[in-house]
Amino acid sequence: MRKVVILFNFSVSDVPLIIIGEFNREQMDGTETSMRVKRVVKHPLYDVTRSGFAHNIALLELETPVKLNDHIRMVSQINIT
């Protein structure tokens, strides 16, 4: 179980709650899990007002670990050499 989520391509401000396992944002289909955010760590150069979506990435530390299931999975790490 993990307590960190990578968030990208979103407007990051004070994010008290996130929903993971969501596939259809138009309806609740039972795959969703709400998680409380403990801390947001933004990219040091992130500034949506000046750079649009450049450097638009953040790490979200969650209050409790994420339980993995068929709808919530780890992202594969990519090694670029």
N, C-alpha and C. Protein backbone atom coordinates (compact mmCIF):
# COMPACT_ATOMS: atom_id res chain seq x y z
N MET A 1 0.84 -1.18 0.00
CA MET A 1 0.00 0.00 0.00
C MET A 1 0.88 1.24 0.00
N ARG A 2 0.47 2.26 -0.73
CA ARG A 2 1.25 3.48 -0.90
C ARG A 2 0.47 4.70 -0.42
N LYS A 3 1.22 5.76 -0.08
CA LYS A 3 0.59 6.99 0.39
C LYS A 3 0.93 8.19 -0.48
N VAL A 4 1.49 7.98 -1.69
CA VAL A 4 1.84 9.09 -2.56
C VAL A 4 1.20 8.88 -3.92
N VAL A 5 0.62 9.96 -4.46
CA VAL A 5 0.00 9.96 -5.78
C VAL A 5 0.68 11.02 -6.61
N ILE A 6 0.94 10.72 -7.89
CA ILE A 6 1.47 11.73 -8.81
C ILE A 6 0.29 12.36 -9.52
N LEU A 7 0.24 13.67 -9.50
CA LEU A 7 -0.84 14.42 -10.15
C LEU A 7 -0.22 15.29 -11.23
N PHE A 8 -0.73 15.23 -12.45
CA PHE A 8 -0.20 16.06 -13.51
C PHE A 8 -1.32 16.55 -14.41
N ASN A 9 -1.00 17.65 -15.10
CA ASN A 9 -1.93 18.25 -16.05
C ASN A 9 -3.24 18.69 -15.40
N PHE A 10 -3.13 19.20 -14.17
CA PHE A 10 -4.27 19.72 -13.43
C PHE A 10 -3.87 21.02 -12.77
N SER A 11 -4.82 21.84 -12.43
CA SER A 11 -4.56 23.03 -11.64
C SER A 11 -4.42 22.60 -10.19
N VAL A 12 -3.24 22.81 -9.63
CA VAL A 12 -2.95 22.35 -8.27
C VAL A 12 -3.04 23.53 -7.32
N SER A 13 -3.90 23.45 -6.35
CA SER A 13 -3.98 24.46 -5.30
C SER A 13 -4.07 23.69 -3.99
N ASP A 14 -4.94 24.07 -3.13
CA ASP A 14 -5.16 23.29 -1.92
C ASP A 14 -6.11 22.16 -2.28
N VAL A 15 -5.59 20.95 -2.28
CA VAL A 15 -6.36 19.77 -2.68
C VAL A 15 -6.63 18.94 -1.43
N PRO A 16 -7.76 19.14 -0.75
CA PRO A 16 -8.01 18.40 0.49
C PRO A 16 -8.48 16.96 0.26
N LEU A 17 -9.01 16.68 -0.94
CA LEU A 17 -9.60 15.37 -1.21
C LEU A 17 -9.40 15.02 -2.68
N ILE A 18 -9.04 13.78 -2.96
CA ILE A 18 -8.98 13.32 -4.34
C ILE A 18 -9.83 12.06 -4.46
N ILE A 19 -10.22 11.76 -5.69
CA ILE A 19 -10.96 10.53 -5.96
C ILE A 19 -10.10 9.70 -6.90
N ILE A 20 -9.77 8.48 -6.47
CA ILE A 20 -8.98 7.59 -7.30
C ILE A 20 -9.84 6.43 -7.77
N GLY A 21 -9.41 5.78 -8.85
CA GLY A 21 -10.19 4.68 -9.40
C GLY A 21 -11.36 5.14 -10.25
N GLU A 22 -11.37 6.41 -10.63
CA GLU A 22 -12.47 6.99 -11.41
C GLU A 22 -12.19 6.81 -12.90
N PHE A 23 -13.11 6.21 -13.62
CA PHE A 23 -12.96 6.02 -15.06
C PHE A 23 -13.98 6.81 -15.86
N ASN A 24 -15.13 7.06 -15.30
CA ASN A 24 -16.18 7.81 -15.99
C ASN A 24 -16.58 8.96 -15.08
N ARG A 25 -16.09 10.16 -15.41
CA ARG A 25 -16.36 11.32 -14.56
C ARG A 25 -17.80 11.80 -14.64
N GLU A 26 -18.58 11.25 -15.56
CA GLU A 26 -19.97 11.65 -15.72
C GLU A 26 -20.90 10.94 -14.74
N GLN A 27 -20.46 9.81 -14.18
CA GLN A 27 -21.32 9.06 -13.26
C GLN A 27 -20.49 8.27 -12.26
N MET A 28 -21.08 8.00 -11.13
CA MET A 28 -20.45 7.14 -10.12
C MET A 28 -20.75 5.70 -10.51
N ASP A 29 -19.70 4.90 -10.67
CA ASP A 29 -19.92 3.52 -11.09
C ASP A 29 -19.40 2.50 -10.09
N GLY A 30 -19.04 2.94 -8.89
CA GLY A 30 -18.63 2.02 -7.84
C GLY A 30 -17.14 1.70 -7.79
N THR A 31 -16.37 2.26 -8.73
CA THR A 31 -14.92 2.01 -8.73
C THR A 31 -14.15 3.09 -7.97
N GLU A 32 -14.82 4.15 -7.57
CA GLU A 32 -14.18 5.31 -6.98
C GLU A 32 -13.86 5.11 -5.49
N THR A 33 -12.76 5.74 -5.07
CA THR A 33 -12.38 5.78 -3.67
C THR A 33 -11.93 7.19 -3.34
N SER A 34 -12.52 7.82 -2.34
CA SER A 34 -12.11 9.16 -1.90
C SER A 34 -10.95 9.04 -0.92
N MET A 35 -9.95 9.89 -1.10
CA MET A 35 -8.78 9.87 -0.24
C MET A 35 -8.48 11.31 0.21
N ARG A 36 -8.16 11.48 1.49
CA ARG A 36 -7.80 12.80 2.01
C ARG A 36 -6.32 13.05 1.78
N VAL A 37 -5.99 14.27 1.35
CA VAL A 37 -4.62 14.66 1.05
C VAL A 37 -4.00 15.32 2.27
N LYS A 38 -2.82 14.85 2.65
CA LYS A 38 -2.10 15.40 3.80
C LYS A 38 -1.20 16.56 3.37
N ARG A 39 -0.55 16.41 2.19
CA ARG A 39 0.41 17.44 1.75
C ARG A 39 0.54 17.41 0.24
N VAL A 40 0.68 18.60 -0.37
CA VAL A 40 0.89 18.74 -1.81
C VAL A 40 2.30 19.28 -2.02
N VAL A 41 3.09 18.60 -2.85
CA VAL A 41 4.44 19.05 -3.19
C VAL A 41 4.44 19.34 -4.69
N LYS A 42 4.45 20.63 -5.05
CA LYS A 42 4.42 21.04 -6.45
C LYS A 42 5.83 21.09 -7.03
N HIS A 43 5.92 20.97 -8.35
CA HIS A 43 7.19 21.17 -9.05
C HIS A 43 7.66 22.59 -8.74
N PRO A 44 8.96 22.78 -8.48
CA PRO A 44 9.45 24.11 -8.09
C PRO A 44 9.18 25.20 -9.13
N LEU A 45 9.04 24.85 -10.41
CA LEU A 45 8.79 25.86 -11.45
C LEU A 45 7.33 25.96 -11.85
N TYR A 46 6.46 25.28 -11.13
CA TYR A 46 5.03 25.30 -11.47
C TYR A 46 4.43 26.66 -11.18
N ASP A 47 3.84 27.27 -12.19
CA ASP A 47 3.11 28.54 -12.05
C ASP A 47 2.12 28.62 -13.19
N VAL A 48 0.90 28.19 -12.97
CA VAL A 48 -0.10 28.10 -14.03
C VAL A 48 -0.41 29.47 -14.64
N THR A 49 -0.22 30.55 -13.91
CA THR A 49 -0.54 31.87 -14.44
C THR A 49 0.50 32.35 -15.46
N ARG A 50 1.74 31.85 -15.36
CA ARG A 50 2.78 32.29 -16.27
C ARG A 50 3.14 31.26 -17.32
N SER A 51 3.07 30.00 -16.99
CA SER A 51 3.60 28.99 -17.92
C SER A 51 2.56 27.99 -18.40
N GLY A 52 1.28 28.27 -18.20
CA GLY A 52 0.26 27.32 -18.62
C GLY A 52 0.43 26.00 -17.90
N PHE A 53 0.62 24.94 -18.67
CA PHE A 53 0.76 23.62 -18.05
C PHE A 53 2.21 23.14 -17.97
N ALA A 54 3.17 24.03 -18.25
CA ALA A 54 4.56 23.63 -18.10
C ALA A 54 4.85 23.33 -16.64
N HIS A 55 5.56 22.30 -16.39
CA HIS A 55 5.94 21.87 -15.03
C HIS A 55 4.71 21.58 -14.17
N ASN A 56 3.61 21.22 -14.80
CA ASN A 56 2.36 20.97 -14.08
C ASN A 56 2.36 19.54 -13.56
N ILE A 57 3.07 19.34 -12.48
CA ILE A 57 3.15 18.03 -11.85
C ILE A 57 3.30 18.23 -10.34
N ALA A 58 2.71 17.36 -9.58
CA ALA A 58 2.80 17.45 -8.12
C ALA A 58 2.73 16.06 -7.53
N LEU A 59 3.27 15.93 -6.35
CA LEU A 59 3.13 14.71 -5.56
C LEU A 59 2.13 15.00 -4.45
N LEU A 60 1.19 14.12 -4.27
CA LEU A 60 0.21 14.26 -3.20
C LEU A 60 0.49 13.20 -2.16
N GLU A 61 0.78 13.61 -0.95
CA GLU A 61 0.92 12.66 0.15
C GLU A 61 -0.45 12.48 0.77
N LEU A 62 -0.90 11.25 0.85
CA LEU A 62 -2.23 10.96 1.38
C LEU A 62 -2.17 10.67 2.86
N GLU A 63 -3.28 10.89 3.55
CA GLU A 63 -3.34 10.62 4.98
C GLU A 63 -3.29 9.13 5.29
N THR A 64 -3.85 8.32 4.40
CA THR A 64 -3.85 6.87 4.60
C THR A 64 -3.35 6.20 3.32
N PRO A 65 -2.81 4.98 3.43
CA PRO A 65 -2.33 4.29 2.24
C PRO A 65 -3.47 3.93 1.28
N VAL A 66 -3.13 3.89 0.00
CA VAL A 66 -4.07 3.48 -1.04
C VAL A 66 -4.12 1.97 -1.08
N LYS A 67 -5.31 1.41 -1.13
CA LYS A 67 -5.46 -0.03 -1.29
C LYS A 67 -5.62 -0.34 -2.78
N LEU A 68 -4.69 -1.10 -3.32
CA LEU A 68 -4.73 -1.44 -4.73
C LEU A 68 -5.80 -2.48 -5.00
N ASN A 69 -6.42 -2.37 -6.19
CA ASN A 69 -7.43 -3.34 -6.61
C ASN A 69 -7.47 -3.37 -8.13
N ASP A 70 -8.51 -3.92 -8.73
CA ASP A 70 -8.59 -4.00 -10.19
C ASP A 70 -8.71 -2.63 -10.85
N HIS A 71 -9.13 -1.61 -10.12
CA HIS A 71 -9.34 -0.28 -10.68
C HIS A 71 -8.29 0.73 -10.22
N ILE A 72 -7.51 0.37 -9.24
CA ILE A 72 -6.47 1.26 -8.69
C ILE A 72 -5.17 0.47 -8.70
N ARG A 73 -4.23 0.94 -9.53
CA ARG A 73 -2.98 0.20 -9.71
C ARG A 73 -1.78 1.13 -9.67
N MET A 74 -0.61 0.52 -9.51
CA MET A 74 0.64 1.26 -9.54
C MET A 74 0.97 1.59 -11.00
N VAL A 75 1.66 2.70 -11.21
CA VAL A 75 2.14 3.07 -12.53
C VAL A 75 3.50 2.42 -12.72
N SER A 76 3.73 1.87 -13.88
CA SER A 76 5.03 1.26 -14.16
C SER A 76 6.09 2.34 -14.26
N GLN A 77 7.25 2.05 -13.71
CA GLN A 77 8.37 2.97 -13.78
C GLN A 77 9.07 2.79 -15.12
N ILE A 78 9.36 3.90 -15.78
CA ILE A 78 10.02 3.86 -17.08
C ILE A 78 11.46 4.31 -16.90
N ASN A 79 12.38 3.51 -17.38
CA ASN A 79 13.80 3.88 -17.36
C ASN A 79 14.19 4.39 -18.73
N ILE A 80 14.61 5.65 -18.80
CA ILE A 80 15.05 6.25 -20.05
C ILE A 80 16.55 6.42 -19.98
N THR A 81 17.24 5.74 -20.88
CA THR A 81 18.70 5.86 -20.90
C THR A 81 19.21 6.23 -22.27
